[in-house]
Amino acid sequence: MANDPDAKRLLWFIFAGSRGGLTRLKIISKLKENPLNTNQLANELGLDYKAIQHHIKVLEKNNLITKTGEKYGIMFFISTFLEVNMETFDKIEEKLDKSK
């Protein structure tokens, strides 16, 4: 399951093939370290709160993150789907880091 071609295609599109992919990559990298809320992510990454909200929606829609809590206390975590495909994510992250 970890080498699922559909998952690989999705991850490449979300992080490398669409606008905002690098920001989403940074969000996932932060969430790998520890769960954060939208405000914490905005502060950690030095980005606008509304921009973080947009990218969070994209990541949630594609089942890459999950959330727990309510309103301003919502914390975001890496999804099980992404954990299973973390090897593919790491390869994408590595290739994109080299291309900078």
N, C-alpha and C. Protein backbone atom coordinates (compact mmCIF):
# COMPACT_ATOMS: atom_id res chain seq x y z
N MET A 1 0.82 -1.21 0.00
CA MET A 1 0.00 0.00 0.00
C MET A 1 0.86 1.27 0.00
N ALA A 2 2.05 1.19 0.57
CA ALA A 2 2.91 2.37 0.67
C ALA A 2 3.38 2.85 -0.71
N ASN A 3 3.39 1.98 -1.71
CA ASN A 3 3.79 2.38 -3.06
C ASN A 3 2.59 2.54 -3.98
N ASP A 4 1.49 2.99 -3.44
CA ASP A 4 0.26 3.20 -4.18
C ASP A 4 0.47 4.29 -5.25
N PRO A 5 0.33 3.96 -6.53
CA PRO A 5 0.57 4.95 -7.58
C PRO A 5 -0.43 6.12 -7.55
N ASP A 6 -1.67 5.85 -7.12
CA ASP A 6 -2.65 6.93 -7.02
C ASP A 6 -2.27 7.92 -5.92
N ALA A 7 -1.79 7.40 -4.81
CA ALA A 7 -1.34 8.26 -3.71
C ALA A 7 -0.14 9.09 -4.16
N LYS A 8 0.78 8.46 -4.86
CA LYS A 8 1.97 9.15 -5.35
C LYS A 8 1.57 10.29 -6.29
N ARG A 9 0.64 10.02 -7.17
CA ARG A 9 0.16 11.03 -8.12
C ARG A 9 -0.49 12.20 -7.37
N LEU A 10 -1.32 11.89 -6.38
CA LEU A 10 -1.99 12.92 -5.59
C LEU A 10 -0.96 13.79 -4.86
N LEU A 11 -0.01 13.16 -4.21
CA LEU A 11 1.01 13.91 -3.46
C LEU A 11 1.84 14.80 -4.38
N TRP A 12 2.21 14.29 -5.54
CA TRP A 12 2.97 15.11 -6.49
C TRP A 12 2.14 16.32 -6.93
N PHE A 13 0.85 16.11 -7.17
CA PHE A 13 0.01 17.22 -7.60
C PHE A 13 -0.13 18.26 -6.49
N ILE A 14 -0.44 17.82 -5.28
CA ILE A 14 -0.68 18.74 -4.16
C ILE A 14 0.56 19.55 -3.81
N PHE A 15 1.74 18.92 -3.85
CA PHE A 15 2.94 19.60 -3.39
C PHE A 15 3.84 20.15 -4.49
N ALA A 16 3.75 19.62 -5.69
CA ALA A 16 4.65 20.07 -6.75
C ALA A 16 3.93 20.56 -8.00
N GLY A 17 2.70 20.13 -8.20
CA GLY A 17 2.04 20.43 -9.46
C GLY A 17 0.96 21.50 -9.39
N SER A 18 0.84 22.18 -8.25
CA SER A 18 -0.18 23.21 -8.14
C SER A 18 0.37 24.40 -7.37
N ARG A 19 -0.26 25.55 -7.58
CA ARG A 19 0.18 26.76 -6.87
C ARG A 19 0.02 26.55 -5.37
N GLY A 20 0.96 27.04 -4.61
CA GLY A 20 0.89 26.90 -3.15
C GLY A 20 1.45 25.60 -2.63
N GLY A 21 1.96 24.78 -3.51
CA GLY A 21 2.47 23.48 -3.10
C GLY A 21 3.60 23.57 -2.08
N LEU A 22 4.48 24.53 -2.25
CA LEU A 22 5.60 24.67 -1.31
C LEU A 22 5.10 25.09 0.08
N THR A 23 4.07 25.93 0.11
CA THR A 23 3.49 26.31 1.40
C THR A 23 2.86 25.11 2.07
N ARG A 24 2.13 24.30 1.31
CA ARG A 24 1.53 23.09 1.88
C ARG A 24 2.61 22.13 2.36
N LEU A 25 3.71 22.06 1.64
CA LEU A 25 4.83 21.22 2.05
C LEU A 25 5.37 21.68 3.40
N LYS A 26 5.51 23.00 3.57
CA LYS A 26 5.99 23.55 4.84
C LYS A 26 5.01 23.26 5.98
N ILE A 27 3.72 23.35 5.70
CA ILE A 27 2.70 23.05 6.72
C ILE A 27 2.83 21.61 7.18
N ILE A 28 2.92 20.69 6.23
CA ILE A 28 3.04 19.27 6.59
C ILE A 28 4.33 19.03 7.36
N SER A 29 5.41 19.66 6.96
CA SER A 29 6.68 19.49 7.67
C SER A 29 6.55 19.93 9.12
N LYS A 30 5.85 21.03 9.38
CA LYS A 30 5.63 21.50 10.75
C LYS A 30 4.74 20.53 11.52
N LEU A 31 3.70 20.03 10.86
CA LEU A 31 2.78 19.12 11.55
C LEU A 31 3.42 17.76 11.82
N LYS A 32 4.44 17.41 11.05
CA LYS A 32 5.18 16.17 11.33
C LYS A 32 5.90 16.29 12.68
N GLU A 33 6.36 17.49 13.01
CA GLU A 33 7.06 17.73 14.27
C GLU A 33 6.11 17.63 15.45
N ASN A 34 4.97 18.34 15.37
CA ASN A 34 3.95 18.28 16.41
C ASN A 34 2.66 18.95 15.93
N PRO A 35 1.51 18.56 16.49
CA PRO A 35 0.23 19.14 16.09
C PRO A 35 0.18 20.63 16.42
N LEU A 36 -0.44 21.40 15.53
CA LEU A 36 -0.56 22.85 15.73
C LEU A 36 -1.94 23.32 15.29
N ASN A 37 -2.35 24.50 15.75
CA ASN A 37 -3.58 25.09 15.25
C ASN A 37 -3.24 26.09 14.14
N THR A 38 -4.25 26.68 13.54
CA THR A 38 -4.04 27.58 12.40
C THR A 38 -3.17 28.78 12.79
N ASN A 39 -3.46 29.37 13.94
CA ASN A 39 -2.70 30.54 14.38
C ASN A 39 -1.23 30.18 14.63
N GLN A 40 -0.98 29.05 15.26
CA GLN A 40 0.39 28.62 15.51
C GLN A 40 1.14 28.38 14.20
N LEU A 41 0.45 27.76 13.23
CA LEU A 41 1.07 27.54 11.92
C LEU A 41 1.42 28.87 11.25
N ALA A 42 0.50 29.83 11.30
CA ALA A 42 0.75 31.14 10.70
C ALA A 42 1.97 31.80 11.34
N ASN A 43 2.07 31.73 12.66
CA ASN A 43 3.22 32.32 13.36
C ASN A 43 4.52 31.59 13.05
N GLU A 44 4.47 30.26 13.07
CA GLU A 44 5.68 29.45 12.82
C GLU A 44 6.22 29.68 11.41
N LEU A 45 5.31 29.81 10.44
CA LEU A 45 5.73 29.94 9.04
C LEU A 45 5.83 31.39 8.58
N GLY A 46 5.39 32.33 9.43
CA GLY A 46 5.44 33.74 9.06
C GLY A 46 4.52 34.07 7.90
N LEU A 47 3.36 33.40 7.88
CA LEU A 47 2.40 33.61 6.79
C LEU A 47 1.08 34.15 7.32
N ASP A 48 0.28 34.67 6.42
CA ASP A 48 -1.03 35.21 6.75
C ASP A 48 -1.97 34.11 7.24
N TYR A 49 -2.76 34.41 8.26
CA TYR A 49 -3.72 33.46 8.83
C TYR A 49 -4.68 32.93 7.77
N LYS A 50 -5.19 33.83 6.91
CA LYS A 50 -6.14 33.43 5.86
C LYS A 50 -5.48 32.50 4.84
N ALA A 51 -4.22 32.73 4.54
CA ALA A 51 -3.50 31.86 3.60
C ALA A 51 -3.37 30.46 4.20
N ILE A 52 -3.04 30.39 5.48
CA ILE A 52 -2.94 29.10 6.17
C ILE A 52 -4.30 28.39 6.14
N GLN A 53 -5.37 29.13 6.40
CA GLN A 53 -6.71 28.54 6.35
C GLN A 53 -6.99 27.91 5.00
N HIS A 54 -6.64 28.61 3.93
CA HIS A 54 -6.86 28.09 2.58
C HIS A 54 -6.10 26.78 2.36
N HIS A 55 -4.83 26.77 2.72
CA HIS A 55 -4.01 25.58 2.50
C HIS A 55 -4.47 24.42 3.39
N ILE A 56 -4.92 24.72 4.59
CA ILE A 56 -5.47 23.70 5.49
C ILE A 56 -6.69 23.04 4.84
N LYS A 57 -7.56 23.85 4.24
CA LYS A 57 -8.74 23.30 3.56
C LYS A 57 -8.35 22.36 2.43
N VAL A 58 -7.34 22.75 1.65
CA VAL A 58 -6.86 21.91 0.54
C VAL A 58 -6.32 20.59 1.09
N LEU A 59 -5.53 20.67 2.15
CA LEU A 59 -4.94 19.46 2.74
C LEU A 59 -6.00 18.56 3.34
N GLU A 60 -7.01 19.16 4.00
CA GLU A 60 -8.10 18.37 4.58
C GLU A 60 -8.93 17.69 3.49
N LYS A 61 -9.25 18.44 2.46
CA LYS A 61 -10.05 17.93 1.35
C LYS A 61 -9.40 16.71 0.70
N ASN A 62 -8.07 16.69 0.70
CA ASN A 62 -7.33 15.60 0.08
C ASN A 62 -6.86 14.55 1.08
N ASN A 63 -7.43 14.61 2.30
CA ASN A 63 -7.18 13.60 3.34
C ASN A 63 -5.71 13.49 3.75
N LEU A 64 -5.02 14.63 3.77
CA LEU A 64 -3.62 14.62 4.16
C LEU A 64 -3.42 15.05 5.61
N ILE A 65 -4.43 15.73 6.16
CA ILE A 65 -4.39 16.09 7.58
C ILE A 65 -5.76 15.82 8.19
N THR A 66 -5.77 15.68 9.51
CA THR A 66 -7.02 15.53 10.26
C THR A 66 -7.02 16.57 11.37
N LYS A 67 -8.19 16.78 11.96
CA LYS A 67 -8.27 17.78 13.02
C LYS A 67 -9.04 17.22 14.21
N THR A 68 -8.78 17.83 15.36
CA THR A 68 -9.52 17.50 16.56
C THR A 68 -9.71 18.79 17.34
N GLY A 69 -10.82 18.89 18.05
CA GLY A 69 -11.14 20.09 18.80
C GLY A 69 -12.21 20.91 18.11
N GLU A 70 -12.48 22.07 18.71
CA GLU A 70 -13.52 22.94 18.18
C GLU A 70 -13.03 24.38 18.08
N LYS A 71 -13.65 25.12 17.17
CA LYS A 71 -13.40 26.54 16.94
C LYS A 71 -11.91 26.87 16.92
N TYR A 72 -11.47 27.78 17.80
CA TYR A 72 -10.06 28.21 17.78
C TYR A 72 -9.13 27.19 18.40
N GLY A 73 -9.68 26.18 19.06
CA GLY A 73 -8.86 25.15 19.67
C GLY A 73 -8.58 23.96 18.75
N ILE A 74 -8.98 24.06 17.49
CA ILE A 74 -8.77 22.94 16.56
C ILE A 74 -7.27 22.74 16.33
N MET A 75 -6.85 21.51 16.54
CA MET A 75 -5.46 21.14 16.31
C MET A 75 -5.40 20.24 15.07
N PHE A 76 -4.39 20.43 14.25
CA PHE A 76 -4.24 19.65 13.03
C PHE A 76 -3.11 18.64 13.18
N PHE A 77 -3.34 17.45 12.63
CA PHE A 77 -2.42 16.32 12.70
C PHE A 77 -2.21 15.75 11.30
N ILE A 78 -1.15 15.02 11.11
CA ILE A 78 -0.93 14.26 9.88
C ILE A 78 -1.96 13.14 9.84
N SER A 79 -2.58 12.91 8.70
CA SER A 79 -3.58 11.85 8.58
C SER A 79 -2.91 10.47 8.49
N THR A 80 -3.69 9.46 8.75
CA THR A 80 -3.21 8.08 8.62
C THR A 80 -2.80 7.81 7.17
N PHE A 81 -3.59 8.33 6.23
CA PHE A 81 -3.28 8.16 4.80
C PHE A 81 -1.88 8.71 4.49
N LEU A 82 -1.56 9.89 5.01
CA LEU A 82 -0.25 10.48 4.75
C LEU A 82 0.85 9.71 5.49
N GLU A 83 0.55 9.26 6.70
CA GLU A 83 1.54 8.46 7.44
C GLU A 83 1.94 7.21 6.66
N VAL A 84 0.94 6.56 6.06
CA VAL A 84 1.19 5.35 5.27
C VAL A 84 2.05 5.68 4.05
N ASN A 85 1.85 6.89 3.51
CA ASN A 85 2.57 7.30 2.30
C ASN A 85 3.70 8.30 2.58
N MET A 86 4.20 8.28 3.80
CA MET A 86 5.22 9.25 4.21
C MET A 86 6.52 9.10 3.41
N GLU A 87 6.84 7.88 3.00
CA GLU A 87 8.04 7.66 2.20
C GLU A 87 7.96 8.45 0.89
N THR A 88 6.80 8.42 0.25
CA THR A 88 6.61 9.17 -0.99
C THR A 88 6.69 10.66 -0.72
N PHE A 89 6.07 11.12 0.38
CA PHE A 89 6.12 12.53 0.75
C PHE A 89 7.57 12.97 0.95
N ASP A 90 8.34 12.17 1.68
CA ASP A 90 9.74 12.50 1.95
C ASP A 90 10.55 12.63 0.66
N LYS A 91 10.28 11.75 -0.30
CA LYS A 91 10.98 11.81 -1.60
C LYS A 91 10.63 13.11 -2.34
N ILE A 92 9.36 13.48 -2.31
CA ILE A 92 8.92 14.71 -2.95
C ILE A 92 9.58 15.91 -2.28
N GLU A 93 9.58 15.90 -0.96
CA GLU A 93 10.18 16.99 -0.19
C GLU A 93 11.67 17.12 -0.52
N GLU A 94 12.35 16.01 -0.62
CA GLU A 94 13.78 16.00 -0.93
C GLU A 94 14.03 16.56 -2.33
N LYS A 95 13.24 16.14 -3.32
CA LYS A 95 13.42 16.62 -4.69
C LYS A 95 13.14 18.12 -4.80
N LEU A 96 12.10 18.59 -4.09
CA LEU A 96 11.77 20.00 -4.15
C LEU A 96 12.82 20.84 -3.42
N ASP A 97 13.40 20.32 -2.37
CA ASP A 97 14.48 21.04 -1.67
C ASP A 97 15.69 21.19 -2.57
N LYS A 98 16.01 20.17 -3.35
CA LYS A 98 17.15 20.23 -4.27
C LYS A 98 16.92 21.23 -5.39
N SER A 99 15.65 21.42 -5.79
CA SER A 99 15.36 22.29 -6.92
C SER A 99 15.32 23.78 -6.54
N LYS A 100 15.44 24.09 -5.24
CA LYS A 100 15.40 25.49 -4.82
C LYS A 100 16.66 26.22 -5.20
